[in-house]
Amino acid sequence: MSDLEAIRSALLADCAAADSLDAIEAVRVKALGKQSAIAALMKTLGAMSPEERQAKAPRIQGLRGEIADAVASRKAVLEARALDARLASERLDMSLPVSAGPQGSIHPVSQVMDELAEIFADLGFAVATGPEIEDDWHNFTALNIPETHPARAMHDTFYLNDPAEIGGDWAKLFRADTRKVLRTHTSPVQIRTMLQTPPPIRIIAPGRTYRSDSDATHTPMFHQVEGLVIDRGIHMGHLKWTLETFVKAFFERDDIVLRLRPSYFPFTEPSAEVDVGYTRDKSGRRIIGGAEPDGWMEILGSGMVHPKVIAACGLDPAEWQGFAFGCGIDRLAMLKYGMDDLRAFFDGDLRWLRHYGFHSLDIPTLSGGVGA
């Protein structure tokens, strides 16, 4: 037992003398490692008689625990000392100019979404949202889009299914009642709203949408806003007035001229593409607005909600009518703020964002101006 006392005294002295984290780690290995004196004592227990083992084992175990506690205690002291030294040496100079510190700005897409919400809130519209992973019925069928429509093709739409859902039955991936898609437009939000909210309804539905397309004016993920009005006695005149009011407020010009061209969308009848007039400045750049346009630019699609869509949502088309419209938020930002490549919106280039970004306090208001 005199050996135990000598080992104890030596190891406790080593712990007390350790003056760094590396030093206390060396003491831990020396005292408790496989080659330590305590480990050697533990190995002798197997050769002892039961009586000897019963007498000596508790003392050896007690020594091992005492040394482990001493190492842990000394390590805690050294770690606290190292933290104090680090805090004393690392300082933040609060006198640095603001430009040298972290900066942030509002992305143009977020800015335009805020502008749209402000404009339509003044017209009595609420903002509605929905899931970005949609089922086939909400994304296509309820919107009167037939099975043979090109929009359903896999080269246009991202189809996906949870493997647990299909249970190994890959045929389910292509069945209309089980397949899931990344929504190709925000129109499913209109369907969900009509199913859940009794009319009259006035909403806009901004959000992300996905299509398999990519070039200077198209990206696989883009942002879209849809508008929906459902009420009694709604007609195309209401649609045209709403769009004119919206476009004038968004571009902040009163000399906006719109042109509605007959078109076709499965979920509206009649349908119309909406063009906005533009003029050219001395450099030839197109400027939205002008009482006598130099040309026309298509900005959105619209129309009266198809009776089949109204009926699919459990409403009587003979009683309820409505109009809907949709446009790309990214495209609106490009037109208003002079951007020429849609891909730059998603490149994460800080130089681009510093040039086109908006200050966090640039909150759109109709009284102060929706634009920056």
Protein backbone atom coordinates (compact mmCIF):
# COMPACT_ATOMS: atom_id res chain seq x y z
CA MET A 1 0.00 0.00 0.00
CA SER A 2 3.03 2.29 0.36
CA ASP A 3 3.35 2.05 -3.44
CA LEU A 4 -0.19 3.35 -3.84
CA GLU A 5 0.56 6.34 -1.63
CA ALA A 6 3.74 7.14 -3.55
CA ILE A 7 1.92 6.91 -6.92
CA ARG A 8 -0.89 9.08 -5.55
CA SER A 9 1.47 11.79 -4.31
CA ALA A 10 3.47 11.87 -7.57
CA LEU A 11 0.44 12.09 -9.84
CA LEU A 12 -1.30 14.76 -7.77
CA ALA A 13 1.91 16.80 -7.89
CA ASP A 14 2.02 16.41 -11.69
CA CYS A 15 -1.58 17.62 -11.94
CA ALA A 16 -0.86 20.67 -9.82
CA ALA A 17 2.25 21.48 -11.86
CA ALA A 18 0.51 21.26 -15.26
CA ASP A 19 0.32 24.80 -16.67
CA SER A 20 -1.29 24.23 -20.07
CA LEU A 21 -3.96 22.08 -21.69
CA ASP A 22 -1.29 20.07 -23.49
CA ALA A 23 0.51 19.47 -20.19
CA ILE A 24 -2.62 18.25 -18.37
CA GLU A 25 -3.41 15.95 -21.31
CA ALA A 26 0.07 14.43 -20.94
CA VAL A 27 -0.59 13.90 -17.23
CA ARG A 28 -3.92 12.20 -18.04
CA VAL A 29 -2.22 9.77 -20.42
CA LYS A 30 0.60 9.11 -17.89
CA ALA A 31 -1.82 8.54 -15.01
CA LEU A 32 -4.75 6.74 -16.67
CA GLY A 33 -3.43 5.38 -19.95
CA LYS A 34 -2.83 1.72 -20.80
CA GLN A 35 0.84 1.97 -19.84
CA SER A 36 0.29 3.85 -16.56
CA ALA A 37 1.24 2.66 -13.07
CA ILE A 38 -2.44 2.48 -12.12
CA ALA A 39 -3.15 0.26 -15.12
CA ALA A 40 -0.29 -2.01 -14.03
CA LEU A 41 -1.80 -2.26 -10.55
CA MET A 42 -5.21 -3.12 -12.05
CA LYS A 43 -3.62 -6.00 -13.96
CA THR A 44 -2.26 -7.53 -10.72
CA LEU A 45 -5.77 -8.08 -9.39
CA GLY A 46 -6.27 -11.13 -11.55
CA ALA A 47 -3.42 -13.03 -9.86
CA MET A 48 -4.61 -12.30 -6.33
CA SER A 49 -6.64 -14.56 -4.12
CA PRO A 50 -10.25 -13.54 -3.55
CA GLU A 51 -9.39 -12.28 -0.07
CA GLU A 52 -6.50 -10.12 -1.31
CA ARG A 53 -8.57 -8.80 -4.23
CA GLN A 54 -11.40 -7.85 -1.89
CA ALA A 55 -8.98 -5.90 0.26
CA LYS A 56 -6.87 -4.16 -2.40
CA ALA A 57 -9.27 -3.62 -5.33
CA PRO A 58 -11.27 -0.82 -3.65
CA ARG A 59 -8.10 1.13 -2.84
CA ILE A 60 -6.76 0.82 -6.41
CA GLN A 61 -10.14 1.85 -7.85
CA GLY A 62 -10.33 4.72 -5.39
CA LEU A 63 -6.89 5.94 -6.46
CA ARG A 64 -7.92 5.76 -10.11
CA GLY A 65 -11.06 7.81 -9.44
CA GLU A 66 -9.21 10.39 -7.32
CA ILE A 67 -6.59 10.97 -10.02
CA ALA A 68 -9.27 11.20 -12.75
CA ASP A 69 -11.13 13.85 -10.71
CA ALA A 70 -7.89 15.79 -10.12
CA VAL A 71 -7.08 15.78 -13.86
CA ALA A 72 -10.62 16.94 -14.77
CA SER A 73 -10.53 19.71 -12.16
CA ARG A 74 -7.16 21.00 -13.31
CA LYS A 75 -8.27 20.85 -16.97
CA ALA A 76 -11.35 22.97 -16.16
CA VAL A 77 -9.15 25.59 -14.50
CA LEU A 78 -6.77 25.69 -17.48
CA GLU A 79 -9.65 25.93 -20.00
CA ALA A 80 -11.15 28.87 -18.09
CA ARG A 81 -7.74 30.54 -17.99
CA ALA A 82 -7.31 30.04 -21.77
CA LEU A 83 -10.79 31.50 -22.46
CA ASP A 84 -10.03 34.56 -20.31
CA ALA A 85 -6.80 35.12 -22.22
CA ARG A 86 -8.61 34.79 -25.56
CA LEU A 87 -11.35 37.22 -24.54
CA ALA A 88 -8.72 39.69 -23.38
CA SER A 89 -6.85 39.54 -26.69
CA GLU A 90 -9.80 39.44 -29.15
CA ARG A 91 -11.57 42.77 -29.40
CA LEU A 92 -14.19 44.32 -31.71
CA ASP A 93 -13.47 47.92 -32.64
CA MET A 94 -16.90 49.55 -32.56
CA SER A 95 -15.45 52.69 -34.11
CA LEU A 96 -15.04 51.02 -37.52
CA PRO A 97 -17.08 52.66 -40.30
CA VAL A 98 -20.41 51.02 -41.15
CA SER A 99 -19.21 50.16 -44.66
CA ALA A 100 -16.50 47.92 -43.19
CA GLY A 101 -18.93 45.76 -41.22
CA PRO A 102 -21.50 43.14 -42.26
CA GLN A 103 -24.09 44.47 -44.70
CA GLY A 104 -27.39 43.24 -46.06
CA SER A 105 -30.02 44.28 -48.55
CA ILE A 106 -33.45 43.27 -49.77
CA HIS A 107 -33.43 41.09 -52.90
CA PRO A 108 -35.33 42.64 -55.84
CA VAL A 109 -37.76 39.71 -55.88
CA SER A 110 -38.63 40.31 -52.22
CA GLN A 111 -38.97 44.03 -52.92
CA VAL A 112 -41.40 43.46 -55.81
CA MET A 113 -43.43 40.98 -53.72
CA ASP A 114 -43.80 43.67 -51.06
CA GLU A 115 -44.81 46.20 -53.72
CA LEU A 116 -47.48 43.83 -55.09
CA ALA A 117 -48.86 43.12 -51.61
CA GLU A 118 -49.09 46.85 -50.88
CA ILE A 119 -50.86 47.67 -54.16
CA PHE A 120 -53.41 44.86 -53.96
CA ALA A 121 -54.06 45.35 -50.25
CA ASP A 122 -55.30 48.81 -51.17
CA LEU A 123 -57.69 47.15 -53.64
CA GLY A 124 -59.06 44.82 -50.96
CA PHE A 125 -57.06 41.70 -51.86
CA ALA A 126 -55.65 39.30 -49.25
CA VAL A 127 -52.40 37.35 -49.71
CA ALA A 128 -52.84 33.55 -49.92
CA THR A 129 -50.19 30.83 -49.88
CA GLY A 130 -50.05 27.12 -50.63
CA PRO A 131 -47.63 24.15 -50.79
CA GLU A 132 -44.89 24.09 -53.40
CA ILE A 133 -45.22 20.30 -53.72
CA GLU A 134 -48.66 19.79 -55.20
CA ASP A 135 -50.78 16.84 -56.22
CA ASP A 136 -51.86 16.37 -59.82
CA TRP A 137 -55.49 17.26 -59.10
CA HIS A 138 -54.81 20.73 -57.66
CA ASN A 139 -52.07 21.55 -60.16
CA PHE A 140 -53.75 20.32 -63.34
CA THR A 141 -57.11 18.53 -63.18
CA ALA A 142 -59.05 21.05 -61.10
CA LEU A 143 -57.77 23.79 -63.43
CA ASN A 144 -59.37 22.10 -66.45
CA ILE A 145 -55.98 21.08 -67.90
CA PRO A 146 -56.54 17.86 -69.90
CA GLU A 147 -54.31 14.78 -69.64
CA THR A 148 -52.95 15.44 -73.14
CA HIS A 149 -51.97 19.07 -72.49
CA PRO A 150 -48.25 19.80 -73.15
CA ALA A 151 -47.88 21.38 -69.69
CA ARG A 152 -48.21 17.91 -68.18
CA ALA A 153 -45.24 16.55 -70.17
CA MET A 154 -42.24 15.44 -68.13
CA HIS A 155 -39.94 17.74 -70.14
CA ASP A 156 -41.96 20.70 -68.80
CA THR A 157 -42.91 19.57 -65.29
CA PHE A 158 -40.89 18.18 -62.38
CA TYR A 159 -42.65 15.03 -61.15
CA LEU A 160 -41.75 13.51 -57.80
CA ASN A 161 -43.11 10.99 -55.34
CA ASP A 162 -42.12 9.88 -51.87
CA PRO A 163 -40.69 6.31 -52.20
CA ALA A 164 -42.66 5.33 -49.11
CA GLU A 165 -45.85 6.51 -50.80
CA ILE A 166 -45.44 4.42 -53.93
CA GLY A 167 -44.28 1.37 -51.94
CA GLY A 168 -42.13 0.07 -54.75
CA ASP A 169 -45.01 0.26 -57.23
CA TRP A 170 -43.39 2.58 -59.78
CA ALA A 171 -46.54 2.59 -61.91
CA LYS A 172 -48.06 4.84 -59.23
CA LEU A 173 -45.58 7.53 -60.22
CA PHE A 174 -47.54 8.11 -63.42
CA ARG A 175 -51.07 7.76 -62.02
CA ALA A 176 -52.98 11.01 -61.76
CA ASP A 177 -54.40 10.11 -58.33
CA THR A 178 -51.00 9.51 -56.70
CA ARG A 179 -48.34 11.52 -58.53
CA LYS A 180 -46.87 14.68 -57.02
CA VAL A 181 -45.30 17.63 -58.82
CA LEU A 182 -43.38 20.77 -58.03
CA ARG A 183 -46.13 23.26 -58.77
CA THR A 184 -45.82 24.78 -62.24
CA HIS A 185 -47.83 27.89 -61.29
CA THR A 186 -49.46 29.37 -58.20
CA SER A 187 -52.94 28.67 -59.59
CA PRO A 188 -53.38 25.68 -57.22
CA VAL A 189 -53.58 28.26 -54.44
CA GLN A 190 -56.71 29.60 -56.14
CA ILE A 191 -58.24 26.12 -56.08
CA ARG A 192 -57.39 25.62 -52.40
CA THR A 193 -58.83 29.03 -51.55
CA MET A 194 -62.10 28.39 -53.37
CA LEU A 195 -62.42 25.01 -51.62
CA GLN A 196 -61.76 26.44 -48.16
CA THR A 197 -63.18 29.98 -48.28
CA PRO A 198 -66.78 30.88 -49.14
CA PRO A 199 -67.12 33.67 -51.73
CA PRO A 200 -66.77 36.55 -52.29
CA ILE A 201 -63.00 36.02 -52.71
CA ARG A 202 -60.26 38.52 -53.54
CA ILE A 203 -56.72 37.17 -53.23
CA ILE A 204 -53.28 37.31 -54.74
CA ALA A 205 -51.00 34.27 -54.50
CA PRO A 206 -47.29 35.08 -54.83
CA GLY A 207 -44.68 32.36 -54.55
CA ARG A 208 -42.10 30.07 -56.12
CA THR A 209 -42.96 27.92 -59.13
CA TYR A 210 -40.96 25.32 -61.06
CA ARG A 211 -40.64 24.38 -64.72
CA SER A 212 -38.00 22.51 -66.67
CA ASP A 213 -36.63 25.48 -68.58
CA SER A 214 -33.47 27.60 -68.46
CA ASP A 215 -32.14 30.51 -70.53
CA ALA A 216 -31.67 34.28 -70.23
CA THR A 217 -35.39 34.82 -69.59
CA HIS A 218 -36.34 31.47 -68.00
CA THR A 219 -35.08 29.57 -64.94
CA PRO A 220 -36.13 26.17 -63.49
CA MET A 221 -37.38 28.00 -60.40
CA PHE A 222 -39.03 31.39 -60.70
CA HIS A 223 -41.55 33.55 -58.87
CA GLN A 224 -45.11 34.17 -59.93
CA VAL A 225 -48.13 36.04 -58.62
CA GLU A 226 -51.69 35.05 -59.41
CA GLY A 227 -54.80 37.05 -58.70
CA LEU A 228 -58.32 35.76 -58.22
CA VAL A 229 -61.70 37.41 -57.75
CA ILE A 230 -64.89 35.38 -57.24
CA ASP A 231 -68.20 37.19 -56.75
CA ARG A 232 -71.59 37.69 -58.31
CA GLY A 233 -71.86 39.70 -61.52
CA ILE A 234 -68.12 39.79 -62.31
CA HIS A 235 -67.19 40.57 -65.93
CA MET A 236 -64.20 41.48 -68.13
CA GLY A 237 -64.62 45.17 -67.34
CA HIS A 238 -63.73 44.47 -63.71
CA LEU A 239 -60.64 42.56 -64.85
CA LYS A 240 -59.43 45.35 -67.15
CA TRP A 241 -59.90 48.05 -64.50
CA THR A 242 -58.04 45.97 -61.89
CA LEU A 243 -55.10 45.34 -64.22
CA GLU A 244 -54.88 48.98 -65.30
CA THR A 245 -54.93 50.14 -61.68
CA PHE A 246 -52.28 47.59 -60.71
CA VAL A 247 -49.89 48.33 -63.60
CA LYS A 248 -50.15 52.12 -63.15
CA ALA A 249 -49.42 51.80 -59.42
CA PHE A 250 -46.56 49.34 -59.94
CA PHE A 251 -44.73 51.34 -62.61
CA GLU A 252 -45.76 54.59 -60.91
CA ARG A 253 -46.99 56.21 -64.12
CA ASP A 254 -50.42 57.42 -65.12
CA ASP A 255 -49.77 57.22 -68.87
CA ILE A 256 -49.82 53.41 -68.94
CA VAL A 257 -51.72 51.93 -71.89
CA LEU A 258 -52.83 48.28 -71.86
CA ARG A 259 -53.91 46.09 -74.73
CA LEU A 260 -55.85 42.86 -74.25
CA ARG A 261 -55.41 40.22 -76.96
CA PRO A 262 -57.61 37.11 -77.23
CA SER A 263 -55.75 34.02 -76.11
CA TYR A 264 -56.32 30.54 -74.67
CA PHE A 265 -55.76 29.14 -71.19
CA PRO A 266 -57.53 25.95 -70.05
CA PHE A 267 -58.62 27.53 -66.76
CA THR A 268 -60.11 30.78 -68.14
CA GLU A 269 -62.76 31.51 -70.77
CA PRO A 270 -62.57 33.98 -72.40
CA SER A 271 -58.82 34.45 -72.00
CA ALA A 272 -56.60 37.40 -72.81
CA GLU A 273 -52.90 38.17 -73.01
CA VAL A 274 -52.16 41.62 -71.63
CA ASP A 275 -49.63 43.88 -73.35
CA VAL A 276 -48.28 47.14 -71.98
CA GLY A 277 -47.20 50.00 -74.21
CA TYR A 278 -43.63 51.24 -74.12
CA THR A 279 -41.62 54.10 -75.56
CA ARG A 280 -37.90 54.33 -76.28
CA ASP A 281 -35.43 56.83 -74.85
CA LYS A 282 -32.56 58.38 -76.82
CA SER A 283 -30.38 55.30 -76.25
CA GLY A 284 -33.08 53.02 -77.61
CA ARG A 285 -33.90 51.48 -74.21
CA ARG A 286 -37.55 50.56 -73.74
CA ILE A 287 -39.42 52.54 -71.08
CA ILE A 288 -42.76 51.22 -69.83
CA GLY A 289 -45.47 53.83 -70.37
CA GLY A 290 -46.31 56.58 -72.82
CA ALA A 291 -49.63 57.84 -74.11
CA GLU A 292 -48.56 56.98 -77.68
CA PRO A 293 -46.60 53.71 -77.42
CA ASP A 294 -43.73 52.86 -79.77
CA GLY A 295 -44.47 49.18 -79.24
CA TRP A 296 -46.12 46.57 -77.06
CA MET A 297 -44.74 44.09 -74.55
CA GLU A 298 -46.63 41.12 -73.12
CA ILE A 299 -46.57 41.13 -69.30
CA LEU A 300 -49.29 38.77 -68.06
CA GLY A 301 -52.11 36.39 -68.88
CA SER A 302 -55.68 36.74 -67.67
CA GLY A 303 -59.29 35.82 -68.23
CA MET A 304 -62.63 34.93 -66.73
CA VAL A 305 -62.45 31.83 -64.52
CA HIS A 306 -63.70 28.84 -66.49
CA PRO A 307 -67.09 27.52 -65.28
CA LYS A 308 -65.57 24.01 -64.99
CA VAL A 309 -62.96 25.34 -62.54
CA ILE A 310 -65.65 27.03 -60.45
CA ALA A 311 -67.71 23.81 -60.47
CA ALA A 312 -64.67 21.70 -59.52
CA CYS A 313 -64.42 23.78 -56.33
CA GLY A 314 -68.03 23.10 -55.36
CA LEU A 315 -69.48 26.46 -56.46
CA ASP A 316 -72.36 27.07 -58.85
CA PRO A 317 -71.04 28.78 -62.03
CA ALA A 318 -74.52 30.17 -62.68
CA GLU A 319 -74.31 32.13 -59.42
CA TRP A 320 -70.60 32.86 -59.06
CA GLN A 321 -68.26 34.32 -61.65
CA GLY A 322 -64.71 35.54 -61.41
CA PHE A 323 -61.53 36.58 -63.12
CA ALA A 324 -57.93 35.49 -62.69
CA PHE A 325 -54.56 36.76 -63.86
CA GLY A 326 -50.95 35.76 -63.46
CA CYS A 327 -47.52 37.17 -64.19
CA GLY A 328 -43.87 36.53 -63.39
CA ILE A 329 -42.53 38.52 -60.44
CA ASP A 330 -38.96 38.23 -61.73
CA ARG A 331 -40.07 39.60 -65.10
CA LEU A 332 -41.82 42.54 -63.44
CA ALA A 333 -38.61 43.33 -61.55
CA MET A 334 -36.61 43.17 -64.79
CA LEU A 335 -38.98 45.58 -66.54
CA LYS A 336 -39.21 48.08 -63.70
CA TYR A 337 -35.57 48.15 -62.61
CA GLY A 338 -33.79 47.62 -65.93
CA MET A 339 -32.36 44.11 -65.48
CA ASP A 340 -31.57 42.16 -68.62
CA ASP A 341 -30.78 38.59 -67.50
CA LEU A 342 -33.05 36.51 -65.29
CA ARG A 343 -30.26 34.10 -64.33
CA ALA A 344 -28.48 36.83 -62.35
CA PHE A 345 -31.36 36.74 -59.85
CA PHE A 346 -30.13 33.34 -58.62
CA ASP A 347 -26.34 33.59 -59.08
CA GLY A 348 -25.66 34.92 -55.58
CA ASP A 349 -23.33 37.59 -56.99
CA LEU A 350 -22.90 40.27 -54.30
CA ARG A 351 -21.83 42.83 -56.91
CA TRP A 352 -25.18 42.43 -58.67
CA LEU A 353 -27.08 42.59 -55.39
CA ARG A 354 -25.21 45.72 -54.27
CA HIS A 355 -26.17 47.35 -57.57
CA TYR A 356 -29.83 46.30 -57.70
CA GLY A 357 -30.58 45.47 -54.06
CA PHE A 358 -32.80 47.53 -51.80
CA HIS A 359 -32.17 48.92 -48.36
CA SER A 360 -34.01 47.12 -45.57
CA LEU A 361 -35.88 50.33 -44.76
CA ASP A 362 -37.17 50.77 -48.34
CA ILE A 363 -40.67 49.64 -47.40
CA PRO A 364 -43.20 50.13 -50.24
CA THR A 365 -46.13 52.40 -49.45
CA LEU A 366 -48.71 53.92 -51.74
CA SER A 367 -48.28 57.31 -50.10
CA GLY A 368 -44.48 57.34 -50.27
CA GLY A 369 -44.12 55.38 -53.53
CA VAL A 370 -43.99 51.64 -53.97
CA GLY A 371 -40.62 51.77 -55.72
CA ALA A 372 -37.26 52.59 -54.19
